[in-house]
Amino acid sequence: MKQLKVRSLDLSSEQLTDEGVAHLAEMKELRSLYLSARGRVTEKGLVHLKKLTNLKRLWVTANAQVTDEGMKSLSELNKLE
């Protein structure tokens, strides 16, 4: 099966969890990601996004479980604008 090269993804869901975010790490071509998980994605889930080395834009909204400290875990993503 050929893997899709998704470059932009908008995930606004109350059902999105840390486990779901872990699967995003496989999307190596992803350049833009919008996450609005309404409290179900935590800093443990964001750690998986470090593997998205081509990511240029990242929005994390409506999520009280993610703090500034958790966002610092993504500092290795040097292509973020």
PDB file of N, CA and C in Angstrom:
ATOM      1  N   MET A   1       0.847  -1.174   0.000  1.00  0.00           N
ATOM      2  CA  MET A   1       0.000   0.000   0.000  1.00  0.00           C
ATOM      3  C   MET A   1       0.893   1.239   0.000  1.00  0.00           C
ATOM      4  N   LYS A   2       0.589   2.165  -0.870  1.00  0.00           N
ATOM      5  CA  LYS A   2       1.350   3.405  -0.959  1.00  0.00           C
ATOM      6  C   LYS A   2       0.927   4.364   0.155  1.00  0.00           C
ATOM      7  N   GLN A   3       1.924   4.941   0.824  1.00  0.00           N
ATOM      8  CA  GLN A   3       1.638   5.879   1.911  1.00  0.00           C
ATOM      9  C   GLN A   3       1.347   7.266   1.338  1.00  0.00           C
ATOM     10  N   LEU A   4       0.283   7.895   1.836  1.00  0.00           N
ATOM     11  CA  LEU A   4      -0.061   9.239   1.409  1.00  0.00           C
ATOM     12  C   LEU A   4       0.923  10.244   1.986  1.00  0.00           C
ATOM     13  N   LYS A   5       1.220  11.259   1.228  1.00  0.00           N
ATOM     14  CA  LYS A   5       2.115  12.314   1.686  1.00  0.00           C
ATOM     15  C   LYS A   5       1.286  13.533   2.083  1.00  0.00           C
ATOM     16  N   VAL A   6       0.682  13.449   3.242  1.00  0.00           N
ATOM     17  CA  VAL A   6      -0.157  14.521   3.753  1.00  0.00           C
ATOM     18  C   VAL A   6       0.752  15.640   4.243  1.00  0.00           C
ATOM     19  N   ARG A   7       0.461  16.861   3.809  1.00  0.00           N
ATOM     20  CA  ARG A   7       1.293  17.997   4.196  1.00  0.00           C
ATOM     21  C   ARG A   7       0.605  18.943   5.162  1.00  0.00           C
ATOM     22  N   SER A   8      -0.713  18.886   5.227  1.00  0.00           N
ATOM     23  CA  SER A   8      -1.465  19.772   6.111  1.00  0.00           C
ATOM     24  C   SER A   8      -2.611  18.981   6.735  1.00  0.00           C
ATOM     25  N   LEU A   9      -2.808  19.183   8.051  1.00  0.00           N
ATOM     26  CA  LEU A   9      -3.831  18.422   8.745  1.00  0.00           C
ATOM     27  C   LEU A   9      -4.471  19.289   9.822  1.00  0.00           C
ATOM     28  N   ASP A  10      -5.795  19.268   9.863  1.00  0.00           N
ATOM     29  CA  ASP A  10      -6.569  20.002  10.863  1.00  0.00           C
ATOM     30  C   ASP A  10      -7.346  18.973  11.666  1.00  0.00           C
ATOM     31  N   LEU A  11      -6.973  18.817  12.937  1.00  0.00           N
ATOM     32  CA  LEU A  11      -7.643  17.863  13.810  1.00  0.00           C
ATOM     33  C   LEU A  11      -8.322  18.597  14.948  1.00  0.00           C
ATOM     34  N   SER A  12      -9.594  18.773  14.812  1.00  0.00           N
ATOM     35  CA  SER A  12     -10.409  19.400  15.857  1.00  0.00           C
ATOM     36  C   SER A  12     -11.381  18.345  16.344  1.00  0.00           C
ATOM     37  N   SER A  13     -11.059  17.741  17.486  1.00  0.00           N
ATOM     38  CA  SER A  13     -11.890  16.644  17.945  1.00  0.00           C
ATOM     39  C   SER A  13     -11.795  16.472  19.450  1.00  0.00           C
ATOM     40  N   GLU A  14     -12.917  16.231  20.051  1.00  0.00           N
ATOM     41  CA  GLU A  14     -12.927  15.910  21.470  1.00  0.00           C
ATOM     42  C   GLU A  14     -12.455  14.480  21.692  1.00  0.00           C
ATOM     43  N   GLN A  15     -12.357  13.713  20.627  1.00  0.00           N
ATOM     44  CA  GLN A  15     -11.965  12.310  20.731  1.00  0.00           C
ATOM     45  C   GLN A  15     -10.459  12.092  20.581  1.00  0.00           C
ATOM     46  N   LEU A  16      -9.730  13.084  20.129  1.00  0.00           N
ATOM     47  CA  LEU A  16      -8.289  12.953  19.927  1.00  0.00           C
ATOM     48  C   LEU A  16      -7.582  12.805  21.271  1.00  0.00           C
ATOM     49  N   THR A  17      -6.715  11.806  21.361  1.00  0.00           N
ATOM     50  CA  THR A  17      -5.998  11.505  22.605  1.00  0.00           C
ATOM     51  C   THR A  17      -4.490  11.496  22.352  1.00  0.00           C
ATOM     52  N   ASP A  18      -3.730  11.311  23.418  1.00  0.00           N
ATOM     53  CA  ASP A  18      -2.276  11.189  23.285  1.00  0.00           C
ATOM     54  C   ASP A  18      -1.908  10.033  22.367  1.00  0.00           C
ATOM     55  N   GLU A  19      -2.635   8.939  22.474  1.00  0.00           N
ATOM     56  CA  GLU A  19      -2.385   7.775  21.621  1.00  0.00           C
ATOM     57  C   GLU A  19      -2.597   8.122  20.151  1.00  0.00           C
ATOM     58  N   GLY A  20      -3.623   8.891  19.866  1.00  0.00           N
ATOM     59  CA  GLY A  20      -3.875   9.320  18.488  1.00  0.00           C
ATOM     60  C   GLY A  20      -2.775  10.224  17.970  1.00  0.00           C
ATOM     61  N   VAL A  21      -2.294  11.115  18.816  1.00  0.00           N
ATOM     62  CA  VAL A  21      -1.207  12.017  18.421  1.00  0.00           C
ATOM     63  C   VAL A  21       0.052  11.213  18.114  1.00  0.00           C
ATOM     64  N   ALA A  22       0.269  10.123  18.825  1.00  0.00           N
ATOM     65  CA  ALA A  22       1.442   9.277  18.586  1.00  0.00           C
ATOM     66  C   ALA A  22       1.470   8.781  17.144  1.00  0.00           C
ATOM     67  N   HIS A  23       0.308   8.508  16.568  1.00  0.00           N
ATOM     68  CA  HIS A  23       0.241   8.038  15.179  1.00  0.00           C
ATOM     69  C   HIS A  23       0.634   9.129  14.181  1.00  0.00           C
ATOM     70  N   LEU A  24       0.460  10.367  14.556  1.00  0.00           N
ATOM     71  CA  LEU A  24       0.839  11.472  13.668  1.00  0.00           C
ATOM     72  C   LEU A  24       2.338  11.499  13.410  1.00  0.00           C
ATOM     73  N   ALA A  25       3.118  10.982  14.327  1.00  0.00           N
ATOM     74  CA  ALA A  25       4.577  10.995  14.201  1.00  0.00           C
ATOM     75  C   ALA A  25       5.059  10.243  12.963  1.00  0.00           C
ATOM     76  N   GLU A  26       4.214   9.395  12.411  1.00  0.00           N
ATOM     77  CA  GLU A  26       4.557   8.637  11.211  1.00  0.00           C
ATOM     78  C   GLU A  26       4.384   9.471   9.934  1.00  0.00           C
ATOM     79  N   MET A  27       3.771  10.623  10.042  1.00  0.00           N
ATOM     80  CA  MET A  27       3.475  11.460   8.872  1.00  0.00           C
ATOM     81  C   MET A  27       4.641  12.417   8.617  1.00  0.00           C
ATOM     82  N   LYS A  28       5.728  11.873   8.109  1.00  0.00           N
ATOM     83  CA  LYS A  28       6.986  12.605   7.969  1.00  0.00           C
ATOM     84  C   LYS A  28       6.907  13.804   7.028  1.00  0.00           C
ATOM     85  N   GLU A  29       5.954  13.830   6.120  1.00  0.00           N
ATOM     86  CA  GLU A  29       5.827  14.933   5.166  1.00  0.00           C
ATOM     87  C   GLU A  29       4.990  16.091   5.701  1.00  0.00           C
ATOM     88  N   LEU A  30       4.424  15.923   6.886  1.00  0.00           N
ATOM     89  CA  LEU A  30       3.533  16.930   7.446  1.00  0.00           C
ATOM     90  C   LEU A  30       4.260  18.251   7.659  1.00  0.00           C
ATOM     91  N   ARG A  31       3.667  19.336   7.125  1.00  0.00           N
ATOM     92  CA  ARG A  31       4.254  20.674   7.239  1.00  0.00           C
ATOM     93  C   ARG A  31       3.437  21.591   8.144  1.00  0.00           C
ATOM     94  N   SER A  32       2.127  21.317   8.226  1.00  0.00           N
ATOM     95  CA  SER A  32       1.220  22.187   8.968  1.00  0.00           C
ATOM     96  C   SER A  32       0.244  21.322   9.767  1.00  0.00           C
ATOM     97  N   LEU A  33       0.135  21.606  11.082  1.00  0.00           N
ATOM     98  CA  LEU A  33      -0.727  20.810  11.937  1.00  0.00           C
ATOM     99  C   LEU A  33      -1.501  21.716  12.886  1.00  0.00           C
ATOM    100  N   TYR A  34      -2.815  21.525  12.906  1.00  0.00           N
ATOM    101  CA  TYR A  34      -3.703  22.253  13.804  1.00  0.00           C
ATOM    102  C   TYR A  34      -4.354  21.234  14.730  1.00  0.00           C
ATOM    103  N   LEU A  35      -4.103  21.351  16.036  1.00  0.00           N
ATOM    104  CA  LEU A  35      -4.689  20.445  17.022  1.00  0.00           C
ATOM    105  C   LEU A  35      -5.591  21.221  17.964  1.00  0.00           C
ATOM    106  N   SER A  36      -6.823  20.824  18.027  1.00  0.00           N
ATOM    107  CA  SER A  36      -7.753  21.375  19.010  1.00  0.00           C
ATOM    108  C   SER A  36      -8.448  20.185  19.646  1.00  0.00           C
ATOM    109  N   ALA A  37      -7.926  19.757  20.784  1.00  0.00           N
ATOM    110  CA  ALA A  37      -8.380  18.495  21.361  1.00  0.00           C
ATOM    111  C   ALA A  37      -9.210  18.659  22.613  1.00  0.00           C
ATOM    112  N   ARG A  38      -9.462  19.867  23.023  1.00  0.00           N
ATOM    113  CA  ARG A  38     -10.329  20.143  24.168  1.00  0.00           C
ATOM    114  C   ARG A  38      -9.978  19.319  25.408  1.00  0.00           C
ATOM    115  N   GLY A  39      -8.693  19.290  25.731  1.00  0.00           N
ATOM    116  CA  GLY A  39      -8.270  18.719  27.000  1.00  0.00           C
ATOM    117  C   GLY A  39      -7.886  17.260  27.022  1.00  0.00           C
ATOM    118  N   ARG A  40      -7.960  16.555  25.903  1.00  0.00           N
ATOM    119  CA  ARG A  40      -7.637  15.124  25.911  1.00  0.00           C
ATOM    120  C   ARG A  40      -6.211  14.849  25.472  1.00  0.00           C
ATOM    121  N   VAL A  41      -5.565  15.820  24.866  1.00  0.00           N
ATOM    122  CA  VAL A  41      -4.165  15.666  24.491  1.00  0.00           C
ATOM    123  C   VAL A  41      -3.339  16.367  25.559  1.00  0.00           C
ATOM    124  N   THR A  42      -2.367  15.633  26.084  1.00  0.00           N
ATOM    125  CA  THR A  42      -1.529  16.176  27.149  1.00  0.00           C
ATOM    126  C   THR A  42      -0.107  16.383  26.629  1.00  0.00           C
ATOM    127  N   GLU A  43       0.746  16.824  27.499  1.00  0.00           N
ATOM    128  CA  GLU A  43       2.148  17.014  27.144  1.00  0.00           C
ATOM    129  C   GLU A  43       2.802  15.697  26.744  1.00  0.00           C
ATOM    130  N   LYS A  44       2.320  14.585  27.282  1.00  0.00           N
ATOM    131  CA  LYS A  44       2.844  13.266  26.904  1.00  0.00           C
ATOM    132  C   LYS A  44       2.580  12.985  25.425  1.00  0.00           C
ATOM    133  N   GLY A  45       1.466  13.461  24.924  1.00  0.00           N
ATOM    134  CA  GLY A  45       1.153  13.271  23.512  1.00  0.00           C
ATOM    135  C   GLY A  45       1.986  14.161  22.614  1.00  0.00           C
ATOM    136  N   LEU A  46       2.216  15.388  23.057  1.00  0.00           N
ATOM    137  CA  LEU A  46       2.993  16.329  22.237  1.00  0.00           C
ATOM    138  C   LEU A  46       4.414  15.859  21.996  1.00  0.00           C
ATOM    139  N   VAL A  47       4.968  15.105  22.911  1.00  0.00           N
ATOM    140  CA  VAL A  47       6.344  14.618  22.764  1.00  0.00           C
ATOM    141  C   VAL A  47       6.520  13.869  21.444  1.00  0.00           C
ATOM    142  N   HIS A  48       5.491  13.178  20.996  1.00  0.00           N
ATOM    143  CA  HIS A  48       5.567  12.405  19.745  1.00  0.00           C
ATOM    144  C   HIS A  48       5.762  13.307  18.531  1.00  0.00           C
ATOM    145  N   LEU A  49       5.334  14.546  18.637  1.00  0.00           N
ATOM    146  CA  LEU A  49       5.443  15.458  17.496  1.00  0.00           C
ATOM    147  C   LEU A  49       6.886  15.846  17.190  1.00  0.00           C
ATOM    148  N   LYS A  50       7.806  15.573  18.094  1.00  0.00           N
ATOM    149  CA  LYS A  50       9.222  15.890  17.849  1.00  0.00           C
ATOM    150  C   LYS A  50       9.751  15.165  16.618  1.00  0.00           C
ATOM    151  N   LYS A  51       9.105  14.083  16.232  1.00  0.00           N
ATOM    152  CA  LYS A  51       9.536  13.306  15.066  1.00  0.00           C
ATOM    153  C   LYS A  51       9.132  13.957  13.746  1.00  0.00           C
ATOM    154  N   LEU A  52       8.287  14.989  13.815  1.00  0.00           N
ATOM    155  CA  LEU A  52       7.822  15.673  12.598  1.00  0.00           C
ATOM    156  C   LEU A  52       8.814  16.781  12.228  1.00  0.00           C
ATOM    157  N   THR A  53       9.955  16.392  11.753  1.00  0.00           N
ATOM    158  CA  THR A  53      11.047  17.336  11.524  1.00  0.00           C
ATOM    159  C   THR A  53      10.801  18.308  10.378  1.00  0.00           C
ATOM    160  N   ASN A  54       9.813  18.055   9.532  1.00  0.00           N
ATOM    161  CA  ASN A  54       9.487  18.972   8.437  1.00  0.00           C
ATOM    162  C   ASN A  54       8.384  19.959   8.805  1.00  0.00           C
ATOM    163  N   LEU A  55       7.886  19.874  10.031  1.00  0.00           N
ATOM    164  CA  LEU A  55       6.783  20.728  10.460  1.00  0.00           C
ATOM    165  C   LEU A  55       7.205  22.195  10.497  1.00  0.00           C
ATOM    166  N   LYS A  56       6.414  23.028   9.811  1.00  0.00           N
ATOM    167  CA  LYS A  56       6.683  24.469   9.771  1.00  0.00           C
ATOM    168  C   LYS A  56       5.685  25.266  10.606  1.00  0.00           C
ATOM    169  N   ARG A  57       4.453  24.756  10.699  1.00  0.00           N
ATOM    170  CA  ARG A  57       3.408  25.467  11.437  1.00  0.00           C
ATOM    171  C   ARG A  57       2.699  24.499  12.369  1.00  0.00           C
ATOM    172  N   LEU A  58       2.526  24.937  13.618  1.00  0.00           N
ATOM    173  CA  LEU A  58       1.851  24.121  14.609  1.00  0.00           C
ATOM    174  C   LEU A  58       0.955  25.009  15.463  1.00  0.00           C
ATOM    175  N   TRP A  59      -0.308  24.634  15.536  1.00  0.00           N
ATOM    176  CA  TRP A  59      -1.268  25.320  16.392  1.00  0.00           C
ATOM    177  C   TRP A  59      -1.808  24.298  17.380  1.00  0.00           C
ATOM    178  N   VAL A  60      -1.770  24.620  18.649  1.00  0.00           N
ATOM    179  CA  VAL A  60      -2.372  23.780  19.689  1.00  0.00           C
ATOM    180  C   VAL A  60      -3.324  24.691  20.449  1.00  0.00           C
ATOM    181  N   THR A  61      -4.616  24.440  20.325  1.00  0.00           N
ATOM    182  CA  THR A  61      -5.611  25.323  20.937  1.00  0.00           C
ATOM    183  C   THR A  61      -6.597  24.545  21.787  1.00  0.00           C
ATOM    184  N   ALA A  62      -7.322  25.277  22.603  1.00  0.00           N
ATOM    185  CA  ALA A  62      -8.406  24.730  23.431  1.00  0.00           C
ATOM    186  C   ALA A  62      -7.947  23.529  24.243  1.00  0.00           C
ATOM    187  N   ASN A  63      -6.754  23.649  24.832  1.00  0.00           N
ATOM    188  CA  ASN A  63      -6.235  22.514  25.560  1.00  0.00           C
ATOM    189  C   ASN A  63      -5.532  22.958  26.836  1.00  0.00           C
ATOM    190  N   ALA A  64      -6.211  22.881  27.954  1.00  0.00           N
ATOM    191  CA  ALA A  64      -5.641  23.297  29.234  1.00  0.00           C
ATOM    192  C   ALA A  64      -4.605  22.304  29.758  1.00  0.00           C
ATOM    193  N   GLN A  65      -4.533  21.122  29.153  1.00  0.00           N
ATOM    194  CA  GLN A  65      -3.580  20.097  29.597  1.00  0.00           C
ATOM    195  C   GLN A  65      -2.156  20.362  29.100  1.00  0.00           C
ATOM    196  N   VAL A  66      -2.012  21.287  28.180  1.00  0.00           N
ATOM    197  CA  VAL A  66      -0.697  21.585  27.607  1.00  0.00           C
ATOM    198  C   VAL A  66      -0.237  22.937  28.127  1.00  0.00           C
ATOM    199  N   THR A  67       0.901  22.942  28.776  1.00  0.00           N
ATOM    200  CA  THR A  67       1.453  24.167  29.345  1.00  0.00           C
ATOM    201  C   THR A  67       2.619  24.669  28.488  1.00  0.00           C
ATOM    202  N   ASP A  68       3.108  25.837  28.824  1.00  0.00           N
ATOM    203  CA  ASP A  68       4.287  26.372  28.138  1.00  0.00           C
ATOM    204  C   ASP A  68       5.459  25.409  28.270  1.00  0.00           C
ATOM    205  N   GLU A  69       5.572  24.803  29.425  1.00  0.00           N
ATOM    206  CA  GLU A  69       6.657  23.848  29.673  1.00  0.00           C
ATOM    207  C   GLU A  69       6.552  22.664  28.705  1.00  0.00           C
ATOM    208  N   GLY A  70       5.341  22.202  28.469  1.00  0.00           N
ATOM    209  CA  GLY A  70       5.128  21.111  27.525  1.00  0.00           C
ATOM    210  C   GLY A  70       5.467  21.500  26.099  1.00  0.00           C
ATOM    211  N   MET A  71       5.174  22.729  25.745  1.00  0.00           N
ATOM    212  CA  MET A  71       5.498  23.205  24.401  1.00  0.00           C
ATOM    213  C   MET A  71       7.012  23.295  24.204  1.00  0.00           C
ATOM    214  N   LYS A  72       7.747  23.514  25.267  1.00  0.00           N
ATOM    215  CA  LYS A  72       9.211  23.570  25.166  1.00  0.00           C
ATOM    216  C   LYS A  72       9.792  22.244  24.694  1.00  0.00           C
ATOM    217  N   SER A  73       9.067  21.155  24.921  1.00  0.00           N
ATOM    218  CA  SER A  73       9.545  19.847  24.474  1.00  0.00           C
ATOM    219  C   SER A  73       9.635  19.767  22.953  1.00  0.00           C
ATOM    220  N   LEU A  74       9.013  20.733  22.277  1.00  0.00           N
ATOM    221  CA  LEU A  74       9.039  20.756  20.807  1.00  0.00           C
ATOM    222  C   LEU A  74      10.111  21.688  20.252  1.00  0.00           C
ATOM    223  N   SER A  75      10.983  22.154  21.112  1.00  0.00           N
ATOM    224  CA  SER A  75      12.003  23.121  20.687  1.00  0.00           C
ATOM    225  C   SER A  75      12.961  22.546  19.641  1.00  0.00           C
ATOM    226  N   GLU A  76      13.019  21.243  19.512  1.00  0.00           N
ATOM    227  CA  GLU A  76      13.881  20.617  18.510  1.00  0.00           C
ATOM    228  C   GLU A  76      13.343  20.783  17.092  1.00  0.00           C
ATOM    229  N   LEU A  77      12.107  21.194  16.968  1.00  0.00           N
ATOM    230  CA  LEU A  77      11.512  21.394  15.638  1.00  0.00           C
ATOM    231  C   LEU A  77      11.995  22.734  15.091  1.00  0.00           C
ATOM    232  N   ASN A  78      13.159  22.719  14.525  1.00  0.00           N
ATOM    233  CA  ASN A  78      13.814  23.971  14.117  1.00  0.00           C
ATOM    234  C   ASN A  78      13.249  24.597  12.843  1.00  0.00           C
ATOM    235  N   LYS A  79      12.313  23.962  12.173  1.00  0.00           N
ATOM    236  CA  LYS A  79      11.702  24.551  10.979  1.00  0.00           C
ATOM    237  C   LYS A  79      10.414  25.323  11.304  1.00  0.00           C
ATOM    238  N   LEU A  80       9.981  25.277  12.556  1.00  0.00           N
ATOM    239  CA  LEU A  80       8.762  26.003  12.922  1.00  0.00           C
ATOM    240  C   LEU A  80       8.931  27.484  12.678  1.00  0.00           C
ATOM    241  N   GLU A  81       7.915  28.088  12.105  1.00  0.00           N
ATOM    242  CA  GLU A  81       7.955  29.523  11.811  1.00  0.00           C
ATOM    243  C   GLU A  81       7.348  30.312  12.937  1.00  0.00           C
TER     244      GLU A  81
END
